[in-house]
Each structure stands twice: as structure tokens, then as C-alpha cells.
Amino acid sequence: MTGGKIGNIALDKIVLNEIEIIGSVSGMGYFEEAIKLVENKIINLDQIISHTFSLAEVLEAFKYESERVEGAIKIVILQ
């Protein structure tokens, strides 16, 4: 995807600090299918969403996620 170019990376720091680099493609082409599964109630998001916040509460939502406040797992921010 990048033509084999790795850019200007300090490989010695990666090796000496035992840093792992993992590539990922975020579900290319699956988003529409996932939406249909939710719309058709095949997947119940209530089972995985632990907290819901308004857009005005976005900073609190990030705190819940990063600190796992009240056992936060998946957080939804609604407009």
C-alpha cells in the first residue's frame, strides 16, 4: 500500500526499545454491512455499549474511556 517505502525511521530505537509495529486495515468495505446488521437487529449494540454521552460531554467521555471509569468498555458520543 505504500510502495514498500518505510520513510525515515530510526530502526535502532525500535530494536533497542523492543517496539512493535503492527499494521492494520480498519475493516475496509465492512461498514455498510455492519450498519445493516444493526438496523436489522441482528447485532444488539446494547450488549457492548457501556456508556453514552452527548457531544457536549466529549471530554468526560474520553476520561471514562482512558481511565475505564465505572468499567467503561465501549462509549458512544451522540450529537
PDB file of N, CA and C in Angstrom:
ATOM      1  N   MET A   1       0.811  -1.191   0.000  1.00  0.00           N
ATOM      2  CA  MET A   1       0.000   0.000   0.000  1.00  0.00           C
ATOM      3  C   MET A   1       0.859   1.261   0.000  1.00  0.00           C
ATOM      4  N   THR A   2       2.075   1.151   0.460  1.00  0.00           N
ATOM      5  CA  THR A   2       2.949   2.325   0.486  1.00  0.00           C
ATOM      6  C   THR A   2       4.058   2.214  -0.547  1.00  0.00           C
ATOM      7  N   GLY A   3       4.017   1.198  -1.365  1.00  0.00           N
ATOM      8  CA  GLY A   3       5.061   1.023  -2.353  1.00  0.00           C
ATOM      9  C   GLY A   3       6.353   0.515  -1.750  1.00  0.00           C
ATOM     10  N   GLY A   4       6.296  -0.007  -0.538  1.00  0.00           N
ATOM     11  CA  GLY A   4       7.475  -0.562   0.107  1.00  0.00           C
ATOM     12  C   GLY A   4       8.342   0.469   0.800  1.00  0.00           C
ATOM     13  N   LYS A   5       7.957   1.732   0.763  1.00  0.00           N
ATOM     14  CA  LYS A   5       8.748   2.779   1.408  1.00  0.00           C
ATOM     15  C   LYS A   5       8.437   2.813   2.897  1.00  0.00           C
ATOM     16  N   ILE A   6       9.482   2.881   3.721  1.00  0.00           N
ATOM     17  CA  ILE A   6       9.267   2.945   5.163  1.00  0.00           C
ATOM     18  C   ILE A   6       9.586   4.316   5.745  1.00  0.00           C
ATOM     19  N   GLY A   7      10.030   5.238   4.947  1.00  0.00           N
ATOM     20  CA  GLY A   7      10.291   6.584   5.435  1.00  0.00           C
ATOM     21  C   GLY A   7      11.552   6.663   6.263  1.00  0.00           C
ATOM     22  N   ASN A   8      11.645   7.688   7.077  1.00  0.00           N
ATOM     23  CA  ASN A   8      12.817   7.948   7.902  1.00  0.00           C
ATOM     24  C   ASN A   8      12.550   7.425   9.315  1.00  0.00           C
ATOM     25  N   ILE A   9      12.826   6.143   9.524  1.00  0.00           N
ATOM     26  CA  ILE A   9      12.567   5.510  10.807  1.00  0.00           C
ATOM     27  C   ILE A   9      13.892   5.105  11.452  1.00  0.00           C
ATOM     28  N   ALA A  10      14.056   5.442  12.729  1.00  0.00           N
ATOM     29  CA  ALA A  10      15.261   5.078  13.462  1.00  0.00           C
ATOM     30  C   ALA A  10      15.139   3.620  13.899  1.00  0.00           C
ATOM     31  N   LEU A  11      15.597   2.703  13.085  1.00  0.00           N
ATOM     32  CA  LEU A  11      15.449   1.281  13.369  1.00  0.00           C
ATOM     33  C   LEU A  11      16.174   0.861  14.636  1.00  0.00           C
ATOM     34  N   ASP A  12      17.289   1.519  14.967  1.00  0.00           N
ATOM     35  CA  ASP A  12      17.998   1.154  16.187  1.00  0.00           C
ATOM     36  C   ASP A  12      17.148   1.418  17.431  1.00  0.00           C
ATOM     37  N   LYS A  13      16.368   2.511  17.442  1.00  0.00           N
ATOM     38  CA  LYS A  13      15.490   2.797  18.577  1.00  0.00           C
ATOM     39  C   LYS A  13      14.376   1.760  18.675  1.00  0.00           C
ATOM     40  N   ILE A  14      13.889   1.311  17.532  1.00  0.00           N
ATOM     41  CA  ILE A  14      12.835   0.293  17.531  1.00  0.00           C
ATOM     42  C   ILE A  14      13.374  -0.999  18.128  1.00  0.00           C
ATOM     43  N   VAL A  15      14.568  -1.399  17.713  1.00  0.00           N
ATOM     44  CA  VAL A  15      15.158  -2.648  18.198  1.00  0.00           C
ATOM     45  C   VAL A  15      15.549  -2.536  19.670  1.00  0.00           C
ATOM     46  N   LEU A  16      16.263  -1.476  20.044  1.00  0.00           N
ATOM     47  CA  LEU A  16      16.743  -1.334  21.418  1.00  0.00           C
ATOM     48  C   LEU A  16      15.618  -1.150  22.439  1.00  0.00           C
ATOM     49  N   ASN A  17      14.527  -0.516  22.035  1.00  0.00           N
ATOM     50  CA  ASN A  17      13.388  -0.302  22.941  1.00  0.00           C
ATOM     51  C   ASN A  17      12.311  -1.373  22.779  1.00  0.00           C
ATOM     52  N   GLU A  18      12.628  -2.387  21.959  1.00  0.00           N
ATOM     53  CA  GLU A  18      11.705  -3.503  21.722  1.00  0.00           C
ATOM     54  C   GLU A  18      10.307  -3.021  21.348  1.00  0.00           C
ATOM     55  N   ILE A  19      10.258  -2.065  20.433  1.00  0.00           N
ATOM     56  CA  ILE A  19       8.990  -1.503  19.969  1.00  0.00           C
ATOM     57  C   ILE A  19       8.423  -2.401  18.880  1.00  0.00           C
ATOM     58  N   GLU A  20       7.140  -2.690  18.979  1.00  0.00           N
ATOM     59  CA  GLU A  20       6.460  -3.480  17.961  1.00  0.00           C
ATOM     60  C   GLU A  20       5.661  -2.551  17.055  1.00  0.00           C
ATOM     61  N   ILE A  21       5.744  -2.775  15.768  1.00  0.00           N
ATOM     62  CA  ILE A  21       4.963  -2.013  14.802  1.00  0.00           C
ATOM     63  C   ILE A  21       3.991  -2.985  14.151  1.00  0.00           C
ATOM     64  N   ILE A  22       2.718  -2.654  14.249  1.00  0.00           N
ATOM     65  CA  ILE A  22       1.693  -3.532  13.714  1.00  0.00           C
ATOM     66  C   ILE A  22       0.859  -2.750  12.709  1.00  0.00           C
ATOM     67  N   GLY A  23       0.729  -3.269  11.523  1.00  0.00           N
ATOM     68  CA  GLY A  23      -0.106  -2.643  10.506  1.00  0.00           C
ATOM     69  C   GLY A  23      -1.532  -3.135  10.619  1.00  0.00           C
ATOM     70  N   SER A  24      -2.450  -2.278  10.213  1.00  0.00           N
ATOM     71  CA  SER A  24      -3.856  -2.652  10.320  1.00  0.00           C
ATOM     72  C   SER A  24      -4.669  -1.936   9.247  1.00  0.00           C
ATOM     73  N   VAL A  25      -5.635  -2.632   8.711  1.00  0.00           N
ATOM     74  CA  VAL A  25      -6.604  -2.035   7.804  1.00  0.00           C
ATOM     75  C   VAL A  25      -7.942  -2.107   8.518  1.00  0.00           C
ATOM     76  N   SER A  26      -8.566  -0.981   8.698  1.00  0.00           N
ATOM     77  CA  SER A  26      -9.762  -0.934   9.551  1.00  0.00           C
ATOM     78  C   SER A  26     -11.042  -1.345   8.825  1.00  0.00           C
ATOM     79  N   GLY A  27     -11.176  -2.622   8.585  1.00  0.00           N
ATOM     80  CA  GLY A  27     -12.425  -3.169   8.070  1.00  0.00           C
ATOM     81  C   GLY A  27     -12.890  -2.598   6.758  1.00  0.00           C
ATOM     82  N   MET A  28     -11.995  -2.452   5.822  1.00  0.00           N
ATOM     83  CA  MET A  28     -12.353  -1.873   4.535  1.00  0.00           C
ATOM     84  C   MET A  28     -13.535  -2.620   3.913  1.00  0.00           C
ATOM     85  N   GLY A  29     -14.601  -1.895   3.626  1.00  0.00           N
ATOM     86  CA  GLY A  29     -15.740  -2.460   2.949  1.00  0.00           C
ATOM     87  C   GLY A  29     -16.771  -3.108   3.861  1.00  0.00           C
ATOM     88  N   TYR A  30     -16.559  -3.109   5.167  1.00  0.00           N
ATOM     89  CA  TYR A  30     -17.484  -3.777   6.073  1.00  0.00           C
ATOM     90  C   TYR A  30     -18.440  -2.820   6.782  1.00  0.00           C
ATOM     91  N   PHE A  31     -18.231  -1.522   6.649  1.00  0.00           N
ATOM     92  CA  PHE A  31     -19.017  -0.554   7.396  1.00  0.00           C
ATOM     93  C   PHE A  31     -20.497  -0.634   7.036  1.00  0.00           C
ATOM     94  N   GLU A  32     -20.814  -0.656   5.740  1.00  0.00           N
ATOM     95  CA  GLU A  32     -22.216  -0.735   5.311  1.00  0.00           C
ATOM     96  C   GLU A  32     -22.869  -2.019   5.803  1.00  0.00           C
ATOM     97  N   GLU A  33     -22.151  -3.131   5.733  1.00  0.00           N
ATOM     98  CA  GLU A  33     -22.686  -4.406   6.203  1.00  0.00           C
ATOM     99  C   GLU A  33     -22.964  -4.354   7.705  1.00  0.00           C
ATOM    100  N   ALA A  34     -22.055  -3.746   8.464  1.00  0.00           N
ATOM    101  CA  ALA A  34     -22.244  -3.634   9.909  1.00  0.00           C
ATOM    102  C   ALA A  34     -23.473  -2.795  10.238  1.00  0.00           C
ATOM    103  N   ILE A  35     -23.682  -1.705   9.514  1.00  0.00           N
ATOM    104  CA  ILE A  35     -24.854  -0.857   9.738  1.00  0.00           C
ATOM    105  C   ILE A  35     -26.136  -1.641   9.468  1.00  0.00           C
ATOM    106  N   LYS A  36     -26.154  -2.419   8.402  1.00  0.00           N
ATOM    107  CA  LYS A  36     -27.339  -3.233   8.093  1.00  0.00           C
ATOM    108  C   LYS A  36     -27.612  -4.262   9.187  1.00  0.00           C
ATOM    109  N   LEU A  37     -26.569  -4.871   9.734  1.00  0.00           N
ATOM    110  CA  LEU A  37     -26.749  -5.843  10.810  1.00  0.00           C
ATOM    111  C   LEU A  37     -27.365  -5.198  12.050  1.00  0.00           C
ATOM    112  N   VAL A  38     -26.948  -3.974  12.343  1.00  0.00           N
ATOM    113  CA  VAL A  38     -27.504  -3.251  13.492  1.00  0.00           C
ATOM    114  C   VAL A  38     -28.940  -2.832  13.198  1.00  0.00           C
ATOM    115  N   GLU A  39     -29.181  -2.290  12.002  1.00  0.00           N
ATOM    116  CA  GLU A  39     -30.533  -1.851  11.632  1.00  0.00           C
ATOM    117  C   GLU A  39     -31.532  -3.005  11.669  1.00  0.00           C
ATOM    118  N   ASN A  40     -31.105  -4.176  11.238  1.00  0.00           N
ATOM    119  CA  ASN A  40     -31.985  -5.345  11.200  1.00  0.00           C
ATOM    120  C   ASN A  40     -32.016  -6.103  12.527  1.00  0.00           C
ATOM    121  N   LYS A  41     -31.402  -5.496  13.555  1.00  0.00           N
ATOM    122  CA  LYS A  41     -31.379  -6.052  14.914  1.00  0.00           C
ATOM    123  C   LYS A  41     -30.767  -7.458  14.986  1.00  0.00           C
ATOM    124  N   ILE A  42     -29.836  -7.731  14.067  1.00  0.00           N
ATOM    125  CA  ILE A  42     -29.093  -8.988  14.107  1.00  0.00           C
ATOM    126  C   ILE A  42     -27.983  -8.867  15.152  1.00  0.00           C
ATOM    127  N   ILE A  43     -27.457  -7.658  15.274  1.00  0.00           N
ATOM    128  CA  ILE A  43     -26.462  -7.356  16.301  1.00  0.00           C
ATOM    129  C   ILE A  43     -27.095  -6.382  17.285  1.00  0.00           C
ATOM    130  N   ASN A  44     -27.044  -6.696  18.572  1.00  0.00           N
ATOM    131  CA  ASN A  44     -27.603  -5.851  19.617  1.00  0.00           C
ATOM    132  C   ASN A  44     -26.460  -5.074  20.265  1.00  0.00           C
ATOM    133  N   LEU A  45     -26.370  -3.785  19.962  1.00  0.00           N
ATOM    134  CA  LEU A  45     -25.278  -2.973  20.497  1.00  0.00           C
ATOM    135  C   LEU A  45     -25.410  -2.718  21.992  1.00  0.00           C
ATOM    136  N   ASP A  46     -26.606  -2.907  22.548  1.00  0.00           N
ATOM    137  CA  ASP A  46     -26.778  -2.711  23.992  1.00  0.00           C
ATOM    138  C   ASP A  46     -25.865  -3.626  24.794  1.00  0.00           C
ATOM    139  N   GLN A  47     -25.473  -4.730  24.204  1.00  0.00           N
ATOM    140  CA  GLN A  47     -24.624  -5.686  24.910  1.00  0.00           C
ATOM    141  C   GLN A  47     -23.161  -5.239  24.977  1.00  0.00           C
ATOM    142  N   ILE A  48     -22.766  -4.310  24.108  1.00  0.00           N
ATOM    143  CA  ILE A  48     -21.357  -3.899  24.109  1.00  0.00           C
ATOM    144  C   ILE A  48     -21.143  -2.434  24.468  1.00  0.00           C
ATOM    145  N   ILE A  49     -22.181  -1.596  24.379  1.00  0.00           N
ATOM    146  CA  ILE A  49     -22.039  -0.177  24.728  1.00  0.00           C
ATOM    147  C   ILE A  49     -22.254  -0.024  26.223  1.00  0.00           C
ATOM    148  N   SER A  50     -21.236   0.461  26.907  1.00  0.00           N
ATOM    149  CA  SER A  50     -21.339   0.598  28.365  1.00  0.00           C
ATOM    150  C   SER A  50     -21.770   1.995  28.798  1.00  0.00           C
ATOM    151  N   HIS A  51     -21.461   3.019  28.000  1.00  0.00           N
ATOM    152  CA  HIS A  51     -21.779   4.385  28.384  1.00  0.00           C
ATOM    153  C   HIS A  51     -22.131   5.207  27.140  1.00  0.00           C
ATOM    154  N   THR A  52     -23.030   6.179  27.320  1.00  0.00           N
ATOM    155  CA  THR A  52     -23.420   7.089  26.242  1.00  0.00           C
ATOM    156  C   THR A  52     -23.290   8.515  26.746  1.00  0.00           C
ATOM    157  N   PHE A  53     -22.707   9.377  25.908  1.00  0.00           N
ATOM    158  CA  PHE A  53     -22.514  10.783  26.261  1.00  0.00           C
ATOM    159  C   PHE A  53     -23.007  11.669  25.125  1.00  0.00           C
ATOM    160  N   SER A  54     -23.358  12.898  25.461  1.00  0.00           N
ATOM    161  CA  SER A  54     -23.707  13.880  24.438  1.00  0.00           C
ATOM    162  C   SER A  54     -22.416  14.492  23.899  1.00  0.00           C
ATOM    163  N   LEU A  55     -22.532  15.173  22.788  1.00  0.00           N
ATOM    164  CA  LEU A  55     -21.358  15.822  22.196  1.00  0.00           C
ATOM    165  C   LEU A  55     -20.764  16.857  23.149  1.00  0.00           C
ATOM    166  N   ALA A  56     -21.614  17.495  23.941  1.00  0.00           N
ATOM    167  CA  ALA A  56     -21.142  18.485  24.910  1.00  0.00           C
ATOM    168  C   ALA A  56     -20.314  17.837  26.026  1.00  0.00           C
ATOM    169  N   GLU A  57     -20.468  16.524  26.216  1.00  0.00           N
ATOM    170  CA  GLU A  57     -19.759  15.811  27.281  1.00  0.00           C
ATOM    171  C   GLU A  57     -18.550  15.039  26.755  1.00  0.00           C
ATOM    172  N   VAL A  58     -18.048  15.425  25.608  1.00  0.00           N
ATOM    173  CA  VAL A  58     -16.998  14.645  24.950  1.00  0.00           C
ATOM    174  C   VAL A  58     -15.740  14.503  25.809  1.00  0.00           C
ATOM    175  N   LEU A  59     -15.358  15.526  26.537  1.00  0.00           N
ATOM    176  CA  LEU A  59     -14.153  15.431  27.378  1.00  0.00           C
ATOM    177  C   LEU A  59     -14.347  14.421  28.505  1.00  0.00           C
ATOM    178  N   GLU A  60     -15.541  14.401  29.087  1.00  0.00           N
ATOM    179  CA  GLU A  60     -15.837  13.416  30.126  1.00  0.00           C
ATOM    180  C   GLU A  60     -15.845  12.004  29.532  1.00  0.00           C
ATOM    181  N   ALA A  61     -16.366  11.882  28.310  1.00  0.00           N
ATOM    182  CA  ALA A  61     -16.390  10.579  27.633  1.00  0.00           C
ATOM    183  C   ALA A  61     -14.978  10.048  27.429  1.00  0.00           C
ATOM    184  N   PHE A  62     -14.064  10.913  27.004  1.00  0.00           N
ATOM    185  CA  PHE A  62     -12.674  10.488  26.812  1.00  0.00           C
ATOM    186  C   PHE A  62     -12.042  10.073  28.134  1.00  0.00           C
ATOM    187  N   LYS A  63     -12.392  10.782  29.212  1.00  0.00           N
ATOM    188  CA  LYS A  63     -11.869  10.412  30.533  1.00  0.00           C
ATOM    189  C   LYS A  63     -12.372   9.019  30.920  1.00  0.00           C
ATOM    190  N   TYR A  64     -13.656   8.769  30.716  1.00  0.00           N
ATOM    191  CA  TYR A  64     -14.224   7.457  31.034  1.00  0.00           C
ATOM    192  C   TYR A  64     -13.501   6.365  30.268  1.00  0.00           C
ATOM    193  N   GLU A  65     -13.243   6.609  28.993  1.00  0.00           N
ATOM    194  CA  GLU A  65     -12.589   5.599  28.152  1.00  0.00           C
ATOM    195  C   GLU A  65     -11.143   5.375  28.588  1.00  0.00           C
ATOM    196  N   SER A  66     -10.397   6.447  28.776  1.00  0.00           N
ATOM    197  CA  SER A  66      -8.972   6.293  29.068  1.00  0.00           C
ATOM    198  C   SER A  66      -8.710   5.753  30.474  1.00  0.00           C
ATOM    199  N   GLU A  67      -9.579   6.106  31.434  1.00  0.00           N
ATOM    200  CA  GLU A  67      -9.387   5.667  32.821  1.00  0.00           C
ATOM    201  C   GLU A  67     -10.287   4.485  33.198  1.00  0.00           C
ATOM    202  N   ARG A  68     -11.087   4.027  32.246  1.00  0.00           N
ATOM    203  CA  ARG A  68     -12.025   2.908  32.466  1.00  0.00           C
ATOM    204  C   ARG A  68     -12.934   3.166  33.676  1.00  0.00           C
ATOM    205  N   VAL A  69     -13.413   4.436  33.783  1.00  0.00           N
ATOM    206  CA  VAL A  69     -14.318   4.828  34.863  1.00  0.00           C
ATOM    207  C   VAL A  69     -15.577   3.966  34.781  1.00  0.00           C
ATOM    208  N   GLU A  70     -16.030   3.467  35.930  1.00  0.00           N
ATOM    209  CA  GLU A  70     -17.223   2.629  36.024  1.00  0.00           C
ATOM    210  C   GLU A  70     -17.166   1.432  35.069  1.00  0.00           C
ATOM    211  N   GLY A  71     -15.968   0.931  34.809  1.00  0.00           N
ATOM    212  CA  GLY A  71     -15.822  -0.238  33.947  1.00  0.00           C
ATOM    213  C   GLY A  71     -16.125   0.030  32.487  1.00  0.00           C
ATOM    214  N   ALA A  72     -15.942   1.263  32.047  1.00  0.00           N
ATOM    215  CA  ALA A  72     -16.249   1.638  30.669  1.00  0.00           C
ATOM    216  C   ALA A  72     -15.562   0.733  29.669  1.00  0.00           C
ATOM    217  N   ILE A  73     -16.321   0.270  28.687  1.00  0.00           N
ATOM    218  CA  ILE A  73     -15.779  -0.597  27.644  1.00  0.00           C
ATOM    219  C   ILE A  73     -15.916   0.103  26.290  1.00  0.00           C
ATOM    220  N   LYS A  74     -17.149   0.263  25.832  1.00  0.00           N
ATOM    221  CA  LYS A  74     -17.422   0.961  24.578  1.00  0.00           C
ATOM    222  C   LYS A  74     -18.288   2.162  24.899  1.00  0.00           C
ATOM    223  N   ILE A  75     -17.877   3.320  24.421  1.00  0.00           N
ATOM    224  CA  ILE A  75     -18.564   4.570  24.703  1.00  0.00           C
ATOM    225  C   ILE A  75     -19.080   5.155  23.402  1.00  0.00           C
ATOM    226  N   VAL A  76     -20.319   5.643  23.431  1.00  0.00           N
ATOM    227  CA  VAL A  76     -20.913   6.272  22.260  1.00  0.00           C
ATOM    228  C   VAL A  76     -21.111   7.745  22.569  1.00  0.00           C
ATOM    229  N   ILE A  77     -20.737   8.594  21.619  1.00  0.00           N
ATOM    230  CA  ILE A  77     -20.968  10.042  21.737  1.00  0.00           C
ATOM    231  C   ILE A  77     -22.014  10.412  20.706  1.00  0.00           C
ATOM    232  N   LEU A  78     -23.144  10.934  21.186  1.00  0.00           N
ATOM    233  CA  LEU A  78     -24.268  11.285  20.310  1.00  0.00           C
ATOM    234  C   LEU A  78     -24.340  12.782  20.099  1.00  0.00           C
ATOM    235  N   GLN A  79     -24.751  13.182  18.930  1.00  0.00           N
ATOM    236  CA  GLN A  79     -24.876  14.590  18.610  1.00  0.00           C
ATOM    237  C   GLN A  79     -26.160  15.137  19.154  1.00  0.00           C
TER     238      GLN A  79
END
